[in-house]
Amino acid sequence: MQIEIRGAEKLSFRERQVVVLKEMGKSTEEITRTLKISASTVATLYNRARSKGYEVVIVLPGDVMGLYDGEDEDEKE
């Protein structure tokens, strides 16, 4: 899996860190421990990043999603 953040150039370094961790599914508590910042700072950075407008794109190969197994539907019939 690959995560791409479009518009990341608009974000500060700290905002990017928080966004990446949030998008990876980390909780606020996990982020506070990782970055050694308070929960309110995490919330502020995340909200500021969201207001700047970024887009997260997750790139997954089709086989990871079970979409391509090497057989066409026509071959199964």
PDB file of N, CA and C in Angstrom:
ATOM      1  N   MET A   1       0.839  -1.177   0.000  1.00  0.00           N
ATOM      2  CA  MET A   1       0.000   0.000   0.000  1.00  0.00           C
ATOM      3  C   MET A   1       0.883   1.239   0.000  1.00  0.00           C
ATOM      4  N   GLN A   2       0.480   2.207  -0.774  1.00  0.00           N
ATOM      5  CA  GLN A   2       1.204   3.467  -0.855  1.00  0.00           C
ATOM      6  C   GLN A   2       0.218   4.589  -0.576  1.00  0.00           C
ATOM      7  N   ILE A   3       0.611   5.522   0.278  1.00  0.00           N
ATOM      8  CA  ILE A   3      -0.231   6.677   0.578  1.00  0.00           C
ATOM      9  C   ILE A   3       0.399   7.899  -0.060  1.00  0.00           C
ATOM     10  N   GLU A   4      -0.406   8.635  -0.800  1.00  0.00           N
ATOM     11  CA  GLU A   4       0.057   9.867  -1.423  1.00  0.00           C
ATOM     12  C   GLU A   4      -0.771  11.015  -0.861  1.00  0.00           C
ATOM     13  N   ILE A   5      -0.105  12.079  -0.440  1.00  0.00           N
ATOM     14  CA  ILE A   5      -0.808  13.258   0.048  1.00  0.00           C
ATOM     15  C   ILE A   5      -0.664  14.347  -0.993  1.00  0.00           C
ATOM     16  N   ARG A   6      -1.753  14.639  -1.656  1.00  0.00           N
ATOM     17  CA  ARG A   6      -1.746  15.700  -2.659  1.00  0.00           C
ATOM     18  C   ARG A   6      -2.008  17.021  -1.953  1.00  0.00           C
ATOM     19  N   GLY A   7      -1.181  18.009  -2.253  1.00  0.00           N
ATOM     20  CA  GLY A   7      -1.289  19.296  -1.587  1.00  0.00           C
ATOM     21  C   GLY A   7      -0.436  19.379  -0.341  1.00  0.00           C
ATOM     22  N   ALA A   8       0.450  18.405  -0.145  1.00  0.00           N
ATOM     23  CA  ALA A   8       1.303  18.371   1.045  1.00  0.00           C
ATOM     24  C   ALA A   8       2.233  19.572   1.110  1.00  0.00           C
ATOM     25  N   GLU A   9       2.541  20.149  -0.043  1.00  0.00           N
ATOM     26  CA  GLU A   9       3.437  21.306  -0.048  1.00  0.00           C
ATOM     27  C   GLU A   9       2.828  22.504   0.672  1.00  0.00           C
ATOM     28  N   LYS A  10       1.521  22.496   0.852  1.00  0.00           N
ATOM     29  CA  LYS A  10       0.840  23.579   1.579  1.00  0.00           C
ATOM     30  C   LYS A  10       0.973  23.427   3.090  1.00  0.00           C
ATOM     31  N   LEU A  11       1.354  22.229   3.533  1.00  0.00           N
ATOM     32  CA  LEU A  11       1.380  21.919   4.962  1.00  0.00           C
ATOM     33  C   LEU A  11       2.768  22.127   5.558  1.00  0.00           C
ATOM     34  N   SER A  12       2.788  22.505   6.824  1.00  0.00           N
ATOM     35  CA  SER A  12       4.066  22.583   7.535  1.00  0.00           C
ATOM     36  C   SER A  12       4.565  21.163   7.789  1.00  0.00           C
ATOM     37  N   PHE A  13       5.825  21.056   8.167  1.00  0.00           N
ATOM     38  CA  PHE A  13       6.408  19.742   8.456  1.00  0.00           C
ATOM     39  C   PHE A  13       5.609  19.018   9.549  1.00  0.00           C
ATOM     40  N   ARG A  14       5.276  19.721  10.616  1.00  0.00           N
ATOM     41  CA  ARG A  14       4.545  19.125  11.743  1.00  0.00           C
ATOM     42  C   ARG A  14       3.132  18.732  11.330  1.00  0.00           C
ATOM     43  N   GLU A  15       2.491  19.565  10.507  1.00  0.00           N
ATOM     44  CA  GLU A  15       1.153  19.220  10.012  1.00  0.00           C
ATOM     45  C   GLU A  15       1.213  17.954   9.176  1.00  0.00           C
ATOM     46  N   ARG A  16       2.233  17.849   8.331  1.00  0.00           N
ATOM     47  CA  ARG A  16       2.391  16.628   7.514  1.00  0.00           C
ATOM     48  C   ARG A  16       2.567  15.404   8.398  1.00  0.00           C
ATOM     49  N   GLN A  17       3.363  15.528   9.461  1.00  0.00           N
ATOM     50  CA  GLN A  17       3.555  14.391  10.364  1.00  0.00           C
ATOM     51  C   GLN A  17       2.221  13.933  10.956  1.00  0.00           C
ATOM     52  N   VAL A  18       1.449  14.888  11.434  1.00  0.00           N
ATOM     53  CA  VAL A  18       0.160  14.555  12.054  1.00  0.00           C
ATOM     54  C   VAL A  18      -0.785  13.941  11.024  1.00  0.00           C
ATOM     55  N   VAL A  19      -0.847  14.523   9.838  1.00  0.00           N
ATOM     56  CA  VAL A  19      -1.728  14.005   8.790  1.00  0.00           C
ATOM     57  C   VAL A  19      -1.353  12.575   8.432  1.00  0.00           C
ATOM     58  N   VAL A  20      -0.078  12.312   8.230  1.00  0.00           N
ATOM     59  CA  VAL A  20       0.353  10.958   7.862  1.00  0.00           C
ATOM     60  C   VAL A  20      -0.030   9.965   8.952  1.00  0.00           C
ATOM     61  N   LEU A  21       0.231  10.304  10.194  1.00  0.00           N
ATOM     62  CA  LEU A  21      -0.104   9.390  11.291  1.00  0.00           C
ATOM     63  C   LEU A  21      -1.613   9.179  11.403  1.00  0.00           C
ATOM     64  N   LYS A  22      -2.386  10.257  11.258  1.00  0.00           N
ATOM     65  CA  LYS A  22      -3.853  10.135  11.296  1.00  0.00           C
ATOM     66  C   LYS A  22      -4.347   9.256  10.163  1.00  0.00           C
ATOM     67  N   GLU A  23      -3.835   9.485   8.966  1.00  0.00           N
ATOM     68  CA  GLU A  23      -4.280   8.717   7.800  1.00  0.00           C
ATOM     69  C   GLU A  23      -3.843   7.262   7.874  1.00  0.00           C
ATOM     70  N   MET A  24      -2.829   6.985   8.678  1.00  0.00           N
ATOM     71  CA  MET A  24      -2.411   5.597   8.900  1.00  0.00           C
ATOM     72  C   MET A  24      -3.275   4.926   9.966  1.00  0.00           C
ATOM     73  N   GLY A  25      -4.224   5.682  10.517  1.00  0.00           N
ATOM     74  CA  GLY A  25      -5.146   5.118  11.496  1.00  0.00           C
ATOM     75  C   GLY A  25      -4.699   5.254  12.936  1.00  0.00           C
ATOM     76  N   LYS A  26      -3.667   6.031  13.181  1.00  0.00           N
ATOM     77  CA  LYS A  26      -3.178   6.210  14.555  1.00  0.00           C
ATOM     78  C   LYS A  26      -4.147   7.083  15.346  1.00  0.00           C
ATOM     79  N   SER A  27      -4.309   6.755  16.606  1.00  0.00           N
ATOM     80  CA  SER A  27      -5.168   7.554  17.484  1.00  0.00           C
ATOM     81  C   SER A  27      -4.419   8.801  17.930  1.00  0.00           C
ATOM     82  N   THR A  28      -5.165   9.740  18.442  1.00  0.00           N
ATOM     83  CA  THR A  28      -4.549  10.966  18.966  1.00  0.00           C
ATOM     84  C   THR A  28      -3.540  10.621  20.058  1.00  0.00           C
ATOM     85  N   GLU A  29      -3.880   9.678  20.909  1.00  0.00           N
ATOM     86  CA  GLU A  29      -2.976   9.279  21.985  1.00  0.00           C
ATOM     87  C   GLU A  29      -1.666   8.713  21.439  1.00  0.00           C
ATOM     88  N   GLU A  30      -1.764   7.893  20.396  1.00  0.00           N
ATOM     89  CA  GLU A  30      -0.562   7.341  19.777  1.00  0.00           C
ATOM     90  C   GLU A  30       0.291   8.446  19.156  1.00  0.00           C
ATOM     91  N   ILE A  31      -0.360   9.420  18.543  1.00  0.00           N
ATOM     92  CA  ILE A  31       0.367  10.526  17.916  1.00  0.00           C
ATOM     93  C   ILE A  31       1.056  11.374  18.979  1.00  0.00           C
ATOM     94  N   THR A  32       0.383  11.616  20.094  1.00  0.00           N
ATOM     95  CA  THR A  32       1.002  12.419  21.161  1.00  0.00           C
ATOM     96  C   THR A  32       2.261  11.742  21.677  1.00  0.00           C
ATOM     97  N   ARG A  33       2.208  10.427  21.814  1.00  0.00           N
ATOM     98  CA  ARG A  33       3.393   9.693  22.291  1.00  0.00           C
ATOM     99  C   ARG A  33       4.508   9.706  21.245  1.00  0.00           C
ATOM    100  N   THR A  34       4.151   9.510  19.992  1.00  0.00           N
ATOM    101  CA  THR A  34       5.151   9.458  18.919  1.00  0.00           C
ATOM    102  C   THR A  34       5.851  10.793  18.729  1.00  0.00           C
ATOM    103  N   LEU A  35       5.062  11.873  18.682  1.00  0.00           N
ATOM    104  CA  LEU A  35       5.617  13.197  18.388  1.00  0.00           C
ATOM    105  C   LEU A  35       5.962  14.004  19.638  1.00  0.00           C
ATOM    106  N   LYS A  36       5.568  13.462  20.797  1.00  0.00           N
ATOM    107  CA  LYS A  36       5.835  14.139  22.083  1.00  0.00           C
ATOM    108  C   LYS A  36       5.236  15.541  22.110  1.00  0.00           C
ATOM    109  N   ILE A  37       3.946  15.599  21.726  1.00  0.00           N
ATOM    110  CA  ILE A  37       3.180  16.841  21.777  1.00  0.00           C
ATOM    111  C   ILE A  37       1.842  16.549  22.440  1.00  0.00           C
ATOM    112  N   SER A  38       1.131  17.581  22.860  1.00  0.00           N
ATOM    113  CA  SER A  38      -0.140  17.393  23.561  1.00  0.00           C
ATOM    114  C   SER A  38      -1.258  17.045  22.586  1.00  0.00           C
ATOM    115  N   ALA A  39      -2.341  16.513  23.141  1.00  0.00           N
ATOM    116  CA  ALA A  39      -3.507  16.161  22.334  1.00  0.00           C
ATOM    117  C   ALA A  39      -4.110  17.401  21.686  1.00  0.00           C
ATOM    118  N   SER A  40      -4.102  18.523  22.407  1.00  0.00           N
ATOM    119  CA  SER A  40      -4.655  19.746  21.828  1.00  0.00           C
ATOM    120  C   SER A  40      -3.795  20.236  20.661  1.00  0.00           C
ATOM    121  N   THR A  41      -2.486  20.035  20.739  1.00  0.00           N
ATOM    122  CA  THR A  41      -1.610  20.412  19.630  1.00  0.00           C
ATOM    123  C   THR A  41      -1.874  19.520  18.425  1.00  0.00           C
ATOM    124  N   VAL A  42      -2.084  18.239  18.653  1.00  0.00           N
ATOM    125  CA  VAL A  42      -2.431  17.319  17.562  1.00  0.00           C
ATOM    126  C   VAL A  42      -3.706  17.800  16.881  1.00  0.00           C
ATOM    127  N   ALA A  43      -4.723  18.121  17.673  1.00  0.00           N
ATOM    128  CA  ALA A  43      -5.997  18.582  17.116  1.00  0.00           C
ATOM    129  C   ALA A  43      -5.818  19.872  16.326  1.00  0.00           C
ATOM    130  N   THR A  44      -5.044  20.809  16.872  1.00  0.00           N
ATOM    131  CA  THR A  44      -4.803  22.078  16.187  1.00  0.00           C
ATOM    132  C   THR A  44      -4.091  21.864  14.859  1.00  0.00           C
ATOM    133  N   LEU A  45      -3.036  21.052  14.869  1.00  0.00           N
ATOM    134  CA  LEU A  45      -2.278  20.792  13.647  1.00  0.00           C
ATOM    135  C   LEU A  45      -3.139  20.097  12.596  1.00  0.00           C
ATOM    136  N   TYR A  46      -3.935  19.135  13.025  1.00  0.00           N
ATOM    137  CA  TYR A  46      -4.786  18.400  12.104  1.00  0.00           C
ATOM    138  C   TYR A  46      -5.858  19.306  11.503  1.00  0.00           C
ATOM    139  N   ASN A  47      -6.487  20.107  12.336  1.00  0.00           N
ATOM    140  CA  ASN A  47      -7.516  21.023  11.840  1.00  0.00           C
ATOM    141  C   ASN A  47      -6.934  22.079  10.916  1.00  0.00           C
ATOM    142  N   ARG A  48      -5.755  22.575  11.246  1.00  0.00           N
ATOM    143  CA  ARG A  48      -5.091  23.558  10.394  1.00  0.00           C
ATOM    144  C   ARG A  48      -4.757  22.933   9.038  1.00  0.00           C
ATOM    145  N   ALA A  49      -4.266  21.702   9.056  1.00  0.00           N
ATOM    146  CA  ALA A  49      -3.936  20.999   7.810  1.00  0.00           C
ATOM    147  C   ALA A  49      -5.194  20.795   6.962  1.00  0.00           C
ATOM    148  N   ARG A  50      -6.277  20.404   7.593  1.00  0.00           N
ATOM    149  CA  ARG A  50      -7.529  20.187   6.861  1.00  0.00           C
ATOM    150  C   ARG A  50      -8.029  21.473   6.227  1.00  0.00           C
ATOM    151  N   SER A  51      -7.856  22.591   6.933  1.00  0.00           N
ATOM    152  CA  SER A  51      -8.322  23.866   6.389  1.00  0.00           C
ATOM    153  C   SER A  51      -7.483  24.317   5.192  1.00  0.00           C
ATOM    154  N   LYS A  52      -6.255  23.824   5.099  1.00  0.00           N
ATOM    155  CA  LYS A  52      -5.381  24.166   3.968  1.00  0.00           C
ATOM    156  C   LYS A  52      -5.716  23.340   2.730  1.00  0.00           C
ATOM    157  N   GLY A  53      -6.492  22.310   2.925  1.00  0.00           N
ATOM    158  CA  GLY A  53      -6.939  21.497   1.804  1.00  0.00           C
ATOM    159  C   GLY A  53      -5.874  20.571   1.264  1.00  0.00           C
ATOM    160  N   TYR A  54      -5.947  19.340   1.627  1.00  0.00           N
ATOM    161  CA  TYR A  54      -5.064  18.312   1.082  1.00  0.00           C
ATOM    162  C   TYR A  54      -5.940  17.124   0.742  1.00  0.00           C
ATOM    163  N   GLU A  55      -5.424  16.248  -0.049  1.00  0.00           N
ATOM    164  CA  GLU A  55      -6.171  15.065  -0.443  1.00  0.00           C
ATOM    165  C   GLU A  55      -5.278  13.856  -0.268  1.00  0.00           C
ATOM    166  N   VAL A  56      -5.810  12.835   0.358  1.00  0.00           N
ATOM    167  CA  VAL A  56      -5.053  11.599   0.552  1.00  0.00           C
ATOM    168  C   VAL A  56      -5.526  10.581  -0.472  1.00  0.00           C
ATOM    169  N   VAL A  57      -4.565  10.004  -1.164  1.00  0.00           N
ATOM    170  CA  VAL A  57      -4.849   8.974  -2.153  1.00  0.00           C
ATOM    171  C   VAL A  57      -4.112   7.720  -1.711  1.00  0.00           C
ATOM    172  N   ILE A  58      -4.838   6.636  -1.630  1.00  0.00           N
ATOM    173  CA  ILE A  58      -4.224   5.355  -1.285  1.00  0.00           C
ATOM    174  C   ILE A  58      -4.136   4.539  -2.567  1.00  0.00           C
ATOM    175  N   VAL A  59      -2.931   4.130  -2.904  1.00  0.00           N
ATOM    176  CA  VAL A  59      -2.699   3.367  -4.124  1.00  0.00           C
ATOM    177  C   VAL A  59      -2.528   1.908  -3.735  1.00  0.00           C
ATOM    178  N   LEU A  60      -3.444   1.076  -4.217  1.00  0.00           N
ATOM    179  CA  LEU A  60      -3.406  -0.358  -3.937  1.00  0.00           C
ATOM    180  C   LEU A  60      -3.399  -1.124  -5.248  1.00  0.00           C
ATOM    181  N   PRO A  61      -2.512  -2.082  -5.382  1.00  0.00           N
ATOM    182  CA  PRO A  61      -2.567  -2.931  -6.573  1.00  0.00           C
ATOM    183  C   PRO A  61      -3.858  -3.749  -6.569  1.00  0.00           C
ATOM    184  N   GLY A  62      -4.391  -4.034  -7.740  1.00  0.00           N
ATOM    185  CA  GLY A  62      -5.648  -4.766  -7.846  1.00  0.00           C
ATOM    186  C   GLY A  62      -5.617  -6.123  -7.184  1.00  0.00           C
ATOM    187  N   ASP A  63      -4.472  -6.815  -7.229  1.00  0.00           N
ATOM    188  CA  ASP A  63      -4.415  -8.150  -6.641  1.00  0.00           C
ATOM    189  C   ASP A  63      -4.555  -8.104  -5.123  1.00  0.00           C
ATOM    190  N   VAL A  64      -4.179  -7.009  -4.497  1.00  0.00           N
ATOM    191  CA  VAL A  64      -4.328  -6.868  -3.049  1.00  0.00           C
ATOM    192  C   VAL A  64      -5.805  -6.828  -2.679  1.00  0.00           C
ATOM    193  N   MET A  65      -6.613  -6.262  -3.555  1.00  0.00           N
ATOM    194  CA  MET A  65      -8.040  -6.139  -3.319  1.00  0.00           C
ATOM    195  C   MET A  65      -8.810  -7.354  -3.820  1.00  0.00           C
ATOM    196  N   GLY A  66      -8.101  -8.351  -4.309  1.00  0.00           N
ATOM    197  CA  GLY A  66      -8.754  -9.547  -4.814  1.00  0.00           C
ATOM    198  C   GLY A  66      -9.482  -9.313  -6.132  1.00  0.00           C
ATOM    199  N   LEU A  67      -9.058  -8.301  -6.879  1.00  0.00           N
ATOM    200  CA  LEU A  67      -9.731  -7.978  -8.126  1.00  0.00           C
ATOM    201  C   LEU A  67      -9.121  -8.683  -9.330  1.00  0.00           C
ATOM    202  N   TYR A  68      -7.853  -9.021  -9.219  1.00  0.00           N
ATOM    203  CA  TYR A  68      -7.166  -9.665 -10.324  1.00  0.00           C
ATOM    204  C   TYR A  68      -6.502 -10.930  -9.824  1.00  0.00           C
ATOM    205  N   ASP A  69      -7.068 -12.049 -10.200  1.00  0.00           N
ATOM    206  CA  ASP A  69      -6.486 -13.312  -9.761  1.00  0.00           C
ATOM    207  C   ASP A  69      -5.906 -14.102 -10.923  1.00  0.00           C
ATOM    208  N   GLY A  70      -5.838 -13.444 -12.088  1.00  0.00           N
ATOM    209  CA  GLY A  70      -5.279 -14.129 -13.252  1.00  0.00           C
ATOM    210  C   GLY A  70      -6.314 -14.773 -14.138  1.00  0.00           C
ATOM    211  N   GLU A  71      -7.577 -14.803 -13.687  1.00  0.00           N
ATOM    212  CA  GLU A  71      -8.651 -15.411 -14.480  1.00  0.00           C
ATOM    213  C   GLU A  71      -9.657 -14.338 -14.854  1.00  0.00           C
ATOM    214  N   ASP A  72     -10.150 -14.403 -16.075  1.00  0.00           N
ATOM    215  CA  ASP A  72     -11.261 -13.548 -16.476  1.00  0.00           C
ATOM    216  C   ASP A  72     -12.553 -14.205 -16.046  1.00  0.00           C
ATOM    217  N   GLU A  73     -13.589 -13.416 -15.877  1.00  0.00           N
ATOM    218  CA  GLU A  73     -14.898 -13.954 -15.538  1.00  0.00           C
ATOM    219  C   GLU A  73     -15.377 -14.921 -16.612  1.00  0.00           C
ATOM    220  N   ASP A  74     -15.079 -14.604 -17.902  1.00  0.00           N
ATOM    221  CA  ASP A  74     -15.518 -15.460 -19.005  1.00  0.00           C
ATOM    222  C   ASP A  74     -14.893 -16.848 -18.900  1.00  0.00           C
ATOM    223  N   GLU A  75     -13.677 -16.950 -18.389  1.00  0.00           N
ATOM    224  CA  GLU A  75     -12.980 -18.222 -18.301  1.00  0.00           C
ATOM    225  C   GLU A  75     -13.588 -19.119 -17.223  1.00  0.00           C
ATOM    226  N   LYS A  76     -14.242 -18.517 -16.228  1.00  0.00           N
ATOM    227  CA  LYS A  76     -14.814 -19.284 -15.126  1.00  0.00           C
ATOM    228  C   LYS A  76     -16.087 -20.007 -15.536  1.00  0.00           C
ATOM    229  N   GLU A  77     -16.780 -19.504 -16.576  1.00  0.00           N
ATOM    230  CA  GLU A  77     -18.068 -20.073 -16.956  1.00  0.00           C
ATOM    231  C   GLU A  77     -17.961 -21.300 -17.747  1.00  0.00           C
TER     232      GLU A  77
END
